[in-house]
């Protein structure tokens, strides 16, 4: 009996996934691609990656030359 409940749950999940795909494709057909949304998410992803990148240390360059008293 439990396998019928599992089959029913899988059928519902599959139906929801197919319905969302159809909804997404129809909106893309009607309104066109969303370029602003894509660029927004790309910028967010780049900012997130920049958080974890190691920053290069800024070194002090010594010249071993005497400064003029001017």
C-alpha atoms as a PDB file:
ATOM      1  CA  UNK A   1       0.000   0.000   0.000  1.00  0.00           C
ATOM      2  CA  UNK A   2       2.889   2.415   0.759  1.00  0.00           C
ATOM      3  CA  UNK A   3       4.156   2.168  -2.820  1.00  0.00           C
ATOM      4  CA  UNK A   4       0.894   3.675  -4.115  1.00  0.00           C
ATOM      5  CA  UNK A   5       1.470   6.688  -1.889  1.00  0.00           C
ATOM      6  CA  UNK A   6       5.023   6.941  -3.225  1.00  0.00           C
ATOM      7  CA  UNK A   7       3.874   6.688  -6.835  1.00  0.00           C
ATOM      8  CA  UNK A   8       1.227   9.337  -6.192  1.00  0.00           C
ATOM      9  CA  UNK A   9       3.809  11.663  -4.569  1.00  0.00           C
ATOM     10  CA  UNK A  10       6.216  11.190  -7.494  1.00  0.00           C
ATOM     11  CA  UNK A  11       3.410  11.876  -9.952  1.00  0.00           C
ATOM     12  CA  UNK A  12       2.521  15.098  -8.115  1.00  0.00           C
ATOM     13  CA  UNK A  13       6.160  16.225  -8.086  1.00  0.00           C
ATOM     14  CA  UNK A  14       6.550  15.440 -11.776  1.00  0.00           C
ATOM     15  CA  UNK A  15       3.334  17.302 -12.558  1.00  0.00           C
ATOM     16  CA  UNK A  16       4.525  20.372 -10.615  1.00  0.00           C
ATOM     17  CA  UNK A  17       7.900  20.374 -12.368  1.00  0.00           C
ATOM     18  CA  UNK A  18       6.339  20.072 -15.832  1.00  0.00           C
ATOM     19  CA  UNK A  19       3.797  22.786 -15.023  1.00  0.00           C
ATOM     20  CA  UNK A  20       6.537  25.208 -13.885  1.00  0.00           C
ATOM     21  CA  UNK A  21       8.600  24.496 -17.023  1.00  0.00           C
ATOM     22  CA  UNK A  22       5.594  25.246 -19.232  1.00  0.00           C
ATOM     23  CA  UNK A  23       4.886  28.434 -17.258  1.00  0.00           C
ATOM     24  CA  UNK A  24       8.532  29.575 -17.602  1.00  0.00           C
ATOM     25  CA  UNK A  25       8.677  28.837 -21.323  1.00  0.00           C
ATOM     26  CA  UNK A  26       5.344  30.557 -21.991  1.00  0.00           C
ATOM     27  CA  UNK A  27       6.445  33.717 -20.134  1.00  0.00           C
ATOM     28  CA  UNK A  28       9.719  33.709 -22.015  1.00  0.00           C
ATOM     29  CA  UNK A  29       7.808  33.409 -25.297  1.00  0.00           C
ATOM     30  CA  UNK A  30       5.366  36.197 -24.417  1.00  0.00           C
ATOM     31  CA  UNK A  31       7.703  38.696 -22.725  1.00  0.00           C
ATOM     32  CA  UNK A  32      11.073  37.753 -24.230  1.00  0.00           C
ATOM     33  CA  UNK A  33      14.300  36.966 -22.395  1.00  0.00           C
ATOM     34  CA  UNK A  34      15.063  38.851 -19.196  1.00  0.00           C
ATOM     35  CA  UNK A  35      18.467  40.413 -19.812  1.00  0.00           C
ATOM     36  CA  UNK A  36      18.292  42.713 -16.781  1.00  0.00           C
ATOM     37  CA  UNK A  37      17.658  39.824 -14.427  1.00  0.00           C
ATOM     38  CA  UNK A  38      20.530  37.826 -15.875  1.00  0.00           C
ATOM     39  CA  UNK A  39      22.990  40.679 -15.482  1.00  0.00           C
ATOM     40  CA  UNK A  40      21.785  41.301 -11.924  1.00  0.00           C
ATOM     41  CA  UNK A  41      22.438  37.705 -10.918  1.00  0.00           C
ATOM     42  CA  UNK A  42      25.809  37.675 -12.702  1.00  0.00           C
ATOM     43  CA  UNK A  43      26.862  40.772 -10.775  1.00  0.00           C
ATOM     44  CA  UNK A  44      25.725  39.212  -7.502  1.00  0.00           C
ATOM     45  CA  UNK A  45      27.662  36.032  -8.246  1.00  0.00           C
ATOM     46  CA  UNK A  46      30.802  38.016  -9.079  1.00  0.00           C
ATOM     47  CA  UNK A  47      30.495  39.990  -5.844  1.00  0.00           C
ATOM     48  CA  UNK A  48      30.046  36.770  -3.875  1.00  0.00           C
ATOM     49  CA  UNK A  49      33.161  35.228  -5.465  1.00  0.00           C
ATOM     50  CA  UNK A  50      35.142  38.412  -4.755  1.00  0.00           C
ATOM     51  CA  UNK A  51      34.389  37.966  -1.041  1.00  0.00           C
ATOM     52  CA  UNK A  52      36.373  34.736  -0.933  1.00  0.00           C
ATOM     53  CA  UNK A  53      39.257  35.679  -3.185  1.00  0.00           C
ATOM     54  CA  UNK A  54      42.470  36.392  -1.379  1.00  0.00           C
ATOM     55  CA  UNK A  55      43.492  39.988  -1.710  1.00  0.00           C
ATOM     56  CA  UNK A  56      47.081  40.632  -2.702  1.00  0.00           C
ATOM     57  CA  UNK A  57      49.055  42.304   0.065  1.00  0.00           C
ATOM     58  CA  UNK A  58      50.129  45.842  -0.611  1.00  0.00           C
ATOM     59  CA  UNK A  59      53.839  46.042   0.060  1.00  0.00           C
ATOM     60  CA  UNK A  60      55.843  49.093   0.938  1.00  0.00           C
ATOM     61  CA  UNK A  61      58.549  49.711  -1.603  1.00  0.00           C
ATOM     62  CA  UNK A  62      61.815  50.822  -0.054  1.00  0.00           C
ATOM     63  CA  UNK A  63      64.211  52.736  -2.256  1.00  0.00           C
ATOM     64  CA  UNK A  64      67.347  52.850  -0.012  1.00  0.00           C
ATOM     65  CA  UNK A  65      67.874  56.453  -1.108  1.00  0.00           C
ATOM     66  CA  UNK A  66      68.120  59.408   1.186  1.00  0.00           C
ATOM     67  CA  UNK A  67      65.379  61.956   0.911  1.00  0.00           C
ATOM     68  CA  UNK A  68      66.295  65.547   0.237  1.00  0.00           C
ATOM     69  CA  UNK A  69      65.514  67.938   3.095  1.00  0.00           C
ATOM     70  CA  UNK A  70      63.404  70.175   0.858  1.00  0.00           C
END
